[in-house]
Amino acid sequence: MRSLDLSPLFRATVGFDRLASALDAASRLDDSAYSYPPYNIEKTGDDSYRIVMAVAGFSEDELDVTAKENSLTITGKKAAEGEEPKYLHRGIAARAFERRFDLADYIKVSGAKLENGLLSVELVREIPEAKKPRSIKITAGAGSAKVIESEAA
């Protein structure tokens, strides 16, 4: 992968440290280390997303979904079962894993379900009222008022 120089970006921006860290981390990813378990990221609406992860062989008790600040962590650890069967072929991986996702501001986890070996994690963007566009009242010098409305983003 080609190296990316972000120094011009840093000279013209303030407060984008998290973005720079995310770009730097993405450039250092080793794809082979991040291929298990496979997953999809779906956009299900204007402000909703879904992460679907193939976790065949794991039960609900062996999976953990944790949201903290702007991070989502999904871990799976098989419980010790005693004597392991003799496999002639073992194609279903049941190794422990930990997958981390960085979430944008105002993205919240709204739920998770395990069905047919697929773990679905629902995400929704909830913008606080203070951050939404609002109308500003403009007053003229003689006390008359005019309202300019802004469009929702």
N, C-alpha and C. Protein backbone atom coordinates (compact mmCIF):
# COMPACT_ATOMS: atom_id res chain seq x y z
N MET A 1 0.85 -1.18 0.00
CA MET A 1 0.00 0.00 0.00
C MET A 1 0.88 1.23 0.00
N ARG A 2 0.46 2.24 -0.70
CA ARG A 2 1.21 3.48 -0.83
C ARG A 2 1.08 4.31 0.43
N SER A 3 2.16 4.99 0.79
CA SER A 3 2.14 5.85 1.97
C SER A 3 1.39 7.14 1.66
N LEU A 4 0.63 7.62 2.63
CA LEU A 4 -0.18 8.81 2.45
C LEU A 4 0.33 9.89 3.40
N ASP A 5 0.70 11.05 2.84
CA ASP A 5 1.20 12.16 3.63
C ASP A 5 0.03 13.09 3.98
N LEU A 6 -0.31 13.18 5.27
CA LEU A 6 -1.43 13.99 5.71
C LEU A 6 -0.99 15.35 6.26
N SER A 7 0.28 15.69 6.14
CA SER A 7 0.75 16.95 6.73
C SER A 7 0.05 18.19 6.17
N PRO A 8 -0.31 18.26 4.87
CA PRO A 8 -1.05 19.44 4.41
C PRO A 8 -2.42 19.56 5.09
N LEU A 9 -3.04 18.44 5.39
CA LEU A 9 -4.32 18.44 6.08
C LEU A 9 -4.17 19.03 7.49
N PHE A 10 -3.11 18.67 8.18
CA PHE A 10 -2.90 19.14 9.55
C PHE A 10 -2.62 20.64 9.61
N ARG A 11 -2.05 21.21 8.55
CA ARG A 11 -1.76 22.64 8.54
C ARG A 11 -3.02 23.47 8.39
N ALA A 12 -4.10 22.89 7.86
CA ALA A 12 -5.30 23.66 7.56
C ALA A 12 -6.51 23.27 8.41
N THR A 13 -6.34 22.34 9.35
CA THR A 13 -7.49 21.89 10.15
C THR A 13 -7.14 21.88 11.63
N VAL A 14 -8.17 21.97 12.44
CA VAL A 14 -8.01 21.90 13.89
C VAL A 14 -9.05 20.94 14.44
N GLY A 15 -8.64 20.03 15.30
CA GLY A 15 -9.59 19.15 15.97
C GLY A 15 -9.95 17.88 15.23
N PHE A 16 -9.20 17.53 14.20
CA PHE A 16 -9.48 16.31 13.44
C PHE A 16 -8.50 15.19 13.80
N ASP A 17 -8.05 15.18 15.03
CA ASP A 17 -7.06 14.19 15.46
C ASP A 17 -7.59 12.77 15.33
N ARG A 18 -8.87 12.57 15.67
CA ARG A 18 -9.45 11.23 15.59
C ARG A 18 -9.48 10.72 14.15
N LEU A 19 -9.80 11.60 13.22
CA LEU A 19 -9.82 11.24 11.80
C LEU A 19 -8.42 10.84 11.34
N ALA A 20 -7.43 11.62 11.73
CA ALA A 20 -6.06 11.31 11.35
C ALA A 20 -5.62 9.98 11.93
N SER A 21 -5.99 9.71 13.17
CA SER A 21 -5.64 8.42 13.79
C SER A 21 -6.31 7.26 13.08
N ALA A 22 -7.56 7.45 12.68
CA ALA A 22 -8.29 6.39 11.96
C ALA A 22 -7.65 6.12 10.60
N LEU A 23 -7.27 7.17 9.89
CA LEU A 23 -6.61 6.99 8.59
C LEU A 23 -5.27 6.29 8.75
N ASP A 24 -4.53 6.67 9.78
CA ASP A 24 -3.23 6.05 10.03
C ASP A 24 -3.40 4.57 10.38
N ALA A 25 -4.37 4.25 11.22
CA ALA A 25 -4.61 2.85 11.59
C ALA A 25 -5.07 2.03 10.39
N ALA A 26 -5.91 2.61 9.54
CA ALA A 26 -6.40 1.89 8.36
C ALA A 26 -5.26 1.60 7.39
N SER A 27 -4.29 2.48 7.31
CA SER A 27 -3.18 2.26 6.39
C SER A 27 -2.25 1.15 6.88
N ARG A 28 -2.29 0.84 8.16
CA ARG A 28 -1.42 -0.20 8.72
C ARG A 28 -2.10 -1.55 8.89
N LEU A 29 -3.36 -1.68 8.47
CA LEU A 29 -4.07 -2.94 8.65
C LEU A 29 -3.49 -4.05 7.80
N ASP A 30 -3.39 -5.21 8.39
CA ASP A 30 -3.01 -6.42 7.67
C ASP A 30 -4.29 -7.19 7.40
N ASP A 31 -4.73 -7.25 6.15
CA ASP A 31 -6.02 -7.84 5.82
C ASP A 31 -6.16 -9.30 6.25
N SER A 32 -5.08 -10.05 6.23
CA SER A 32 -5.18 -11.46 6.61
C SER A 32 -5.52 -11.61 8.09
N ALA A 33 -5.08 -10.69 8.92
CA ALA A 33 -5.36 -10.77 10.35
C ALA A 33 -6.79 -10.37 10.67
N TYR A 34 -7.46 -9.66 9.75
CA TYR A 34 -8.79 -9.16 10.01
C TYR A 34 -9.85 -9.84 9.14
N SER A 35 -9.62 -11.08 8.74
CA SER A 35 -10.57 -11.76 7.86
C SER A 35 -11.52 -12.69 8.62
N TYR A 36 -11.30 -12.91 9.91
CA TYR A 36 -12.16 -13.80 10.69
C TYR A 36 -12.75 -13.06 11.86
N PRO A 37 -14.00 -13.18 12.10
CA PRO A 37 -15.01 -13.79 11.23
C PRO A 37 -15.44 -12.81 10.14
N PRO A 38 -15.95 -13.32 9.03
CA PRO A 38 -16.38 -12.42 7.96
C PRO A 38 -17.61 -11.61 8.40
N TYR A 39 -17.75 -10.41 7.83
CA TYR A 39 -18.86 -9.54 8.22
C TYR A 39 -19.25 -8.64 7.06
N ASN A 40 -20.46 -8.09 7.15
CA ASN A 40 -20.97 -7.08 6.22
C ASN A 40 -21.36 -5.85 7.02
N ILE A 41 -21.24 -4.69 6.40
CA ILE A 41 -21.77 -3.46 6.98
C ILE A 41 -22.81 -2.95 5.99
N GLU A 42 -24.07 -2.83 6.44
CA GLU A 42 -25.18 -2.44 5.58
C GLU A 42 -25.73 -1.10 6.00
N LYS A 43 -26.17 -0.31 5.03
CA LYS A 43 -26.90 0.93 5.31
C LYS A 43 -28.37 0.58 5.13
N THR A 44 -29.13 0.64 6.21
CA THR A 44 -30.53 0.21 6.18
C THR A 44 -31.51 1.37 6.09
N GLY A 45 -31.04 2.60 6.21
CA GLY A 45 -31.88 3.79 6.14
C GLY A 45 -31.00 5.02 6.12
N ASP A 46 -31.63 6.19 6.13
CA ASP A 46 -30.86 7.43 6.12
C ASP A 46 -29.94 7.55 7.33
N ASP A 47 -30.40 7.12 8.49
CA ASP A 47 -29.62 7.22 9.72
C ASP A 47 -29.51 5.90 10.46
N SER A 48 -29.53 4.79 9.72
CA SER A 48 -29.44 3.48 10.38
C SER A 48 -28.52 2.55 9.59
N TYR A 49 -27.82 1.70 10.34
CA TYR A 49 -26.83 0.79 9.78
C TYR A 49 -26.97 -0.56 10.47
N ARG A 50 -26.38 -1.59 9.85
CA ARG A 50 -26.38 -2.92 10.45
C ARG A 50 -25.04 -3.57 10.15
N ILE A 51 -24.45 -4.18 11.18
CA ILE A 51 -23.27 -5.01 11.00
C ILE A 51 -23.74 -6.45 11.15
N VAL A 52 -23.49 -7.27 10.13
CA VAL A 52 -23.88 -8.68 10.16
C VAL A 52 -22.59 -9.50 10.12
N MET A 53 -22.40 -10.33 11.15
CA MET A 53 -21.17 -11.09 11.29
C MET A 53 -21.48 -12.58 11.32
N ALA A 54 -20.76 -13.37 10.54
CA ALA A 54 -20.94 -14.82 10.49
C ALA A 54 -20.22 -15.45 11.69
N VAL A 55 -20.98 -15.95 12.63
CA VAL A 55 -20.41 -16.53 13.85
C VAL A 55 -20.93 -17.95 14.05
N ALA A 56 -20.89 -18.75 13.00
CA ALA A 56 -21.37 -20.13 13.07
C ALA A 56 -20.64 -20.88 14.17
N GLY A 57 -21.40 -21.62 14.96
CA GLY A 57 -20.83 -22.42 16.04
C GLY A 57 -20.77 -21.72 17.38
N PHE A 58 -21.06 -20.42 17.43
CA PHE A 58 -21.07 -19.69 18.69
C PHE A 58 -22.50 -19.53 19.18
N SER A 59 -22.69 -19.64 20.49
CA SER A 59 -24.00 -19.40 21.09
C SER A 59 -24.04 -17.97 21.64
N GLU A 60 -25.22 -17.54 22.05
CA GLU A 60 -25.37 -16.19 22.62
C GLU A 60 -24.47 -15.98 23.82
N ASP A 61 -24.30 -17.02 24.64
CA ASP A 61 -23.48 -16.92 25.85
C ASP A 61 -21.99 -16.77 25.54
N GLU A 62 -21.57 -17.18 24.35
CA GLU A 62 -20.16 -17.13 23.99
C GLU A 62 -19.79 -15.85 23.23
N LEU A 63 -20.77 -14.99 22.99
CA LEU A 63 -20.54 -13.73 22.27
C LEU A 63 -20.77 -12.55 23.20
N ASP A 64 -20.02 -11.48 22.97
CA ASP A 64 -20.17 -10.27 23.76
C ASP A 64 -20.10 -9.07 22.83
N VAL A 65 -21.09 -8.19 22.93
CA VAL A 65 -21.13 -6.96 22.15
C VAL A 65 -21.05 -5.81 23.15
N THR A 66 -20.01 -4.98 23.03
CA THR A 66 -19.79 -3.88 23.96
C THR A 66 -19.61 -2.57 23.20
N ALA A 67 -20.41 -1.58 23.57
CA ALA A 67 -20.27 -0.23 22.99
C ALA A 67 -19.74 0.69 24.08
N LYS A 68 -18.67 1.39 23.76
CA LYS A 68 -18.07 2.34 24.71
C LYS A 68 -17.59 3.54 23.92
N GLU A 69 -18.10 4.70 24.28
CA GLU A 69 -17.78 5.95 23.60
C GLU A 69 -17.99 5.78 22.10
N ASN A 70 -16.97 5.94 21.29
CA ASN A 70 -17.13 5.82 19.84
C ASN A 70 -16.53 4.52 19.32
N SER A 71 -16.68 3.46 20.09
CA SER A 71 -16.09 2.18 19.72
C SER A 71 -17.09 1.06 19.98
N LEU A 72 -17.12 0.09 19.07
CA LEU A 72 -17.94 -1.11 19.22
C LEU A 72 -16.99 -2.30 19.17
N THR A 73 -17.08 -3.17 20.16
CA THR A 73 -16.23 -4.35 20.22
C THR A 73 -17.11 -5.58 20.27
N ILE A 74 -16.85 -6.52 19.37
CA ILE A 74 -17.56 -7.79 19.35
C ILE A 74 -16.53 -8.88 19.58
N THR A 75 -16.75 -9.68 20.63
CA THR A 75 -15.82 -10.75 20.95
C THR A 75 -16.56 -12.07 21.00
N GLY A 76 -15.85 -13.11 20.67
CA GLY A 76 -16.39 -14.47 20.75
C GLY A 76 -15.35 -15.39 21.34
N LYS A 77 -15.78 -16.18 22.31
CA LYS A 77 -14.87 -17.12 22.95
C LYS A 77 -15.64 -18.40 23.23
N LYS A 78 -15.18 -19.50 22.66
CA LYS A 78 -15.84 -20.78 22.85
C LYS A 78 -15.64 -21.25 24.28
N ALA A 79 -16.72 -21.77 24.85
CA ALA A 79 -16.66 -22.33 26.20
C ALA A 79 -16.00 -23.71 26.12
N ALA A 80 -15.25 -24.06 27.15
CA ALA A 80 -14.62 -25.38 27.19
C ALA A 80 -15.70 -26.44 27.33
N GLU A 81 -15.66 -27.44 26.45
CA GLU A 81 -16.72 -28.46 26.43
C GLU A 81 -16.28 -29.81 26.95
N GLY A 82 -15.05 -29.96 27.33
CA GLY A 82 -14.58 -31.26 27.76
C GLY A 82 -13.83 -31.93 26.63
N GLU A 83 -14.22 -33.17 26.27
CA GLU A 83 -13.51 -33.90 25.23
C GLU A 83 -13.94 -33.42 23.85
N GLU A 84 -12.96 -33.06 23.04
CA GLU A 84 -13.22 -32.57 21.69
C GLU A 84 -13.35 -33.76 20.74
N PRO A 85 -14.33 -33.73 19.85
CA PRO A 85 -14.49 -34.86 18.91
C PRO A 85 -13.32 -34.96 17.95
N LYS A 86 -13.12 -36.16 17.37
CA LYS A 86 -12.09 -36.35 16.36
C LYS A 86 -12.67 -35.92 15.02
N TYR A 87 -12.03 -34.96 14.41
CA TYR A 87 -12.50 -34.44 13.13
C TYR A 87 -11.76 -35.13 11.99
N LEU A 88 -12.52 -35.51 10.96
CA LEU A 88 -11.91 -35.95 9.72
C LEU A 88 -11.61 -34.74 8.84
N HIS A 89 -12.48 -33.73 8.95
CA HIS A 89 -12.27 -32.44 8.30
C HIS A 89 -12.92 -31.38 9.18
N ARG A 90 -12.20 -30.32 9.45
CA ARG A 90 -12.75 -29.25 10.27
C ARG A 90 -12.72 -27.96 9.45
N GLY A 91 -13.88 -27.60 8.92
CA GLY A 91 -13.99 -26.42 8.09
C GLY A 91 -14.68 -25.27 8.78
N ILE A 92 -15.32 -25.52 9.91
CA ILE A 92 -16.00 -24.48 10.67
C ILE A 92 -15.06 -24.02 11.78
N ALA A 93 -14.54 -22.82 11.60
CA ALA A 93 -13.61 -22.29 12.59
C ALA A 93 -14.38 -21.89 13.84
N ALA A 94 -13.85 -22.22 14.97
CA ALA A 94 -14.49 -21.84 16.23
C ALA A 94 -13.45 -21.21 17.15
N ARG A 95 -12.54 -20.49 16.56
CA ARG A 95 -11.49 -19.86 17.36
C ARG A 95 -12.00 -18.54 17.94
N ALA A 96 -11.38 -18.15 19.02
CA ALA A 96 -11.75 -16.89 19.67
C ALA A 96 -11.42 -15.73 18.74
N PHE A 97 -12.20 -14.66 18.86
CA PHE A 97 -11.95 -13.48 18.03
C PHE A 97 -12.35 -12.23 18.80
N GLU A 98 -11.81 -11.12 18.34
CA GLU A 98 -12.21 -9.80 18.82
C GLU A 98 -12.17 -8.87 17.62
N ARG A 99 -13.29 -8.25 17.34
CA ARG A 99 -13.40 -7.33 16.20
C ARG A 99 -13.83 -5.97 16.73
N ARG A 100 -13.08 -4.93 16.36
CA ARG A 100 -13.39 -3.56 16.82
C ARG A 100 -13.83 -2.71 15.64
N PHE A 101 -14.83 -1.87 15.89
CA PHE A 101 -15.31 -0.92 14.90
C PHE A 101 -15.28 0.47 15.53
N ASP A 102 -14.74 1.43 14.82
CA ASP A 102 -14.80 2.82 15.26
C ASP A 102 -16.10 3.42 14.75
N LEU A 103 -16.85 4.03 15.64
CA LEU A 103 -18.15 4.60 15.29
C LEU A 103 -18.04 6.11 15.18
N ALA A 104 -18.77 6.68 14.24
CA ALA A 104 -18.81 8.13 14.08
C ALA A 104 -19.55 8.75 15.26
N ASP A 105 -19.43 10.05 15.40
CA ASP A 105 -20.15 10.75 16.46
C ASP A 105 -21.65 10.50 16.30
N TYR A 106 -22.33 10.35 17.42
CA TYR A 106 -23.78 10.20 17.51
C TYR A 106 -24.30 8.86 16.99
N ILE A 107 -23.44 7.90 16.68
CA ILE A 107 -23.89 6.57 16.30
C ILE A 107 -24.03 5.75 17.57
N LYS A 108 -25.22 5.19 17.77
CA LYS A 108 -25.52 4.39 18.96
C LYS A 108 -25.92 2.99 18.55
N VAL A 109 -25.60 2.00 19.39
CA VAL A 109 -26.03 0.62 19.16
C VAL A 109 -27.44 0.49 19.69
N SER A 110 -28.37 0.09 18.82
CA SER A 110 -29.76 0.00 19.23
C SER A 110 -30.20 -1.43 19.54
N GLY A 111 -29.40 -2.42 19.19
CA GLY A 111 -29.76 -3.79 19.50
C GLY A 111 -28.86 -4.78 18.79
N ALA A 112 -28.95 -6.05 19.22
CA ALA A 112 -28.19 -7.13 18.60
C ALA A 112 -28.99 -8.41 18.70
N LYS A 113 -28.89 -9.26 17.67
CA LYS A 113 -29.58 -10.55 17.72
C LYS A 113 -28.75 -11.59 16.99
N LEU A 114 -28.87 -12.83 17.43
CA LEU A 114 -28.18 -13.96 16.84
C LEU A 114 -29.22 -14.87 16.23
N GLU A 115 -29.12 -15.09 14.92
CA GLU A 115 -30.10 -15.91 14.23
C GLU A 115 -29.43 -16.65 13.09
N ASN A 116 -29.58 -17.98 13.09
CA ASN A 116 -29.03 -18.83 12.02
C ASN A 116 -27.52 -18.62 11.82
N GLY A 117 -26.78 -18.45 12.90
CA GLY A 117 -25.33 -18.30 12.81
C GLY A 117 -24.86 -16.92 12.40
N LEU A 118 -25.79 -15.96 12.30
CA LEU A 118 -25.43 -14.58 11.95
C LEU A 118 -25.76 -13.66 13.11
N LEU A 119 -24.77 -12.90 13.54
CA LEU A 119 -24.97 -11.90 14.58
C LEU A 119 -25.23 -10.57 13.88
N SER A 120 -26.40 -9.97 14.15
CA SER A 120 -26.76 -8.67 13.57
C SER A 120 -26.74 -7.62 14.66
N VAL A 121 -25.97 -6.56 14.45
CA VAL A 121 -25.89 -5.45 15.39
C VAL A 121 -26.47 -4.23 14.69
N GLU A 122 -27.54 -3.69 15.26
CA GLU A 122 -28.24 -2.54 14.68
C GLU A 122 -27.64 -1.25 15.24
N LEU A 123 -27.37 -0.30 14.36
CA LEU A 123 -26.80 0.99 14.74
C LEU A 123 -27.70 2.10 14.21
N VAL A 124 -27.80 3.19 14.96
CA VAL A 124 -28.62 4.31 14.54
C VAL A 124 -27.90 5.61 14.88
N ARG A 125 -28.03 6.60 13.99
CA ARG A 125 -27.45 7.91 14.25
C ARG A 125 -28.50 8.75 14.96
N GLU A 126 -28.21 9.21 16.17
CA GLU A 126 -29.11 10.03 16.96
C GLU A 126 -28.44 11.38 17.21
N ILE A 127 -28.80 12.37 16.41
CA ILE A 127 -28.21 13.69 16.54
C ILE A 127 -28.96 14.45 17.64
N PRO A 128 -28.25 14.99 18.64
CA PRO A 128 -28.92 15.72 19.72
C PRO A 128 -29.62 16.97 19.17
N GLU A 129 -30.68 17.36 19.83
CA GLU A 129 -31.45 18.54 19.39
C GLU A 129 -30.57 19.78 19.28
N ALA A 130 -29.62 19.93 20.17
CA ALA A 130 -28.74 21.10 20.16
C ALA A 130 -27.88 21.16 18.89
N LYS A 131 -27.65 20.03 18.24
CA LYS A 131 -26.81 19.98 17.04
C LYS A 131 -27.62 20.05 15.75
N LYS A 132 -28.95 19.93 15.83
CA LYS A 132 -29.79 19.98 14.63
C LYS A 132 -29.97 21.42 14.17
N PRO A 133 -30.20 21.62 12.86
CA PRO A 133 -30.45 22.98 12.37
C PRO A 133 -31.71 23.56 13.01
N ARG A 134 -31.70 24.87 13.24
CA ARG A 134 -32.86 25.52 13.86
C ARG A 134 -33.07 26.88 13.21
N SER A 135 -34.26 27.40 13.35
CA SER A 135 -34.60 28.71 12.81
C SER A 135 -34.09 29.80 13.75
N ILE A 136 -33.56 30.85 13.18
CA ILE A 136 -33.05 31.99 13.94
C ILE A 136 -33.94 33.18 13.64
N LYS A 137 -34.44 33.81 14.68
CA LYS A 137 -35.31 34.98 14.53
C LYS A 137 -34.46 36.21 14.30
N ILE A 138 -34.76 36.95 13.24
CA ILE A 138 -34.05 38.17 12.93
C ILE A 138 -34.97 39.34 13.22
N THR A 139 -34.51 40.27 14.01
CA THR A 139 -35.33 41.43 14.35
C THR A 139 -34.80 42.65 13.62
N ALA A 140 -35.74 43.48 13.16
CA ALA A 140 -35.37 44.74 12.51
C ALA A 140 -35.27 45.82 13.58
N GLY A 141 -34.73 46.96 13.23
CA GLY A 141 -34.51 48.03 14.18
C GLY A 141 -35.78 48.52 14.86
N ALA A 142 -36.93 48.56 14.19
CA ALA A 142 -38.16 49.11 14.76
C ALA A 142 -38.98 48.06 15.52
N GLY A 143 -38.43 46.87 15.74
CA GLY A 143 -39.15 45.87 16.52
C GLY A 143 -39.89 44.85 15.66
N SER A 144 -39.92 45.00 14.32
CA SER A 144 -40.56 43.99 13.48
C SER A 144 -39.62 42.80 13.38
N ALA A 145 -40.19 41.64 13.21
CA ALA A 145 -39.40 40.42 13.20
C ALA A 145 -39.58 39.69 11.89
N LYS A 146 -38.53 39.04 11.44
CA LYS A 146 -38.57 38.21 10.25
C LYS A 146 -37.89 36.89 10.63
N VAL A 147 -38.48 35.76 10.24
CA VAL A 147 -37.92 34.46 10.57
C VAL A 147 -37.35 33.83 9.31
N ILE A 148 -36.11 33.43 9.38
CA ILE A 148 -35.47 32.71 8.28
C ILE A 148 -35.36 31.27 8.72
N GLU A 149 -35.89 30.35 7.90
CA GLU A 149 -35.85 28.93 8.27
C GLU A 149 -34.72 28.25 7.54
N SER A 150 -34.05 27.37 8.24
CA SER A 150 -32.99 26.60 7.61
C SER A 150 -33.52 25.22 7.28
N GLU A 151 -32.91 24.59 6.27
CA GLU A 151 -33.33 23.25 5.88
C GLU A 151 -32.65 22.23 6.76
N ALA A 152 -33.35 21.12 7.00
CA ALA A 152 -32.77 20.06 7.80
C ALA A 152 -31.68 19.36 7.00
N ALA A 153 -30.65 18.93 7.70
CA ALA A 153 -29.53 18.29 7.03
C ALA A 153 -29.87 16.90 6.59
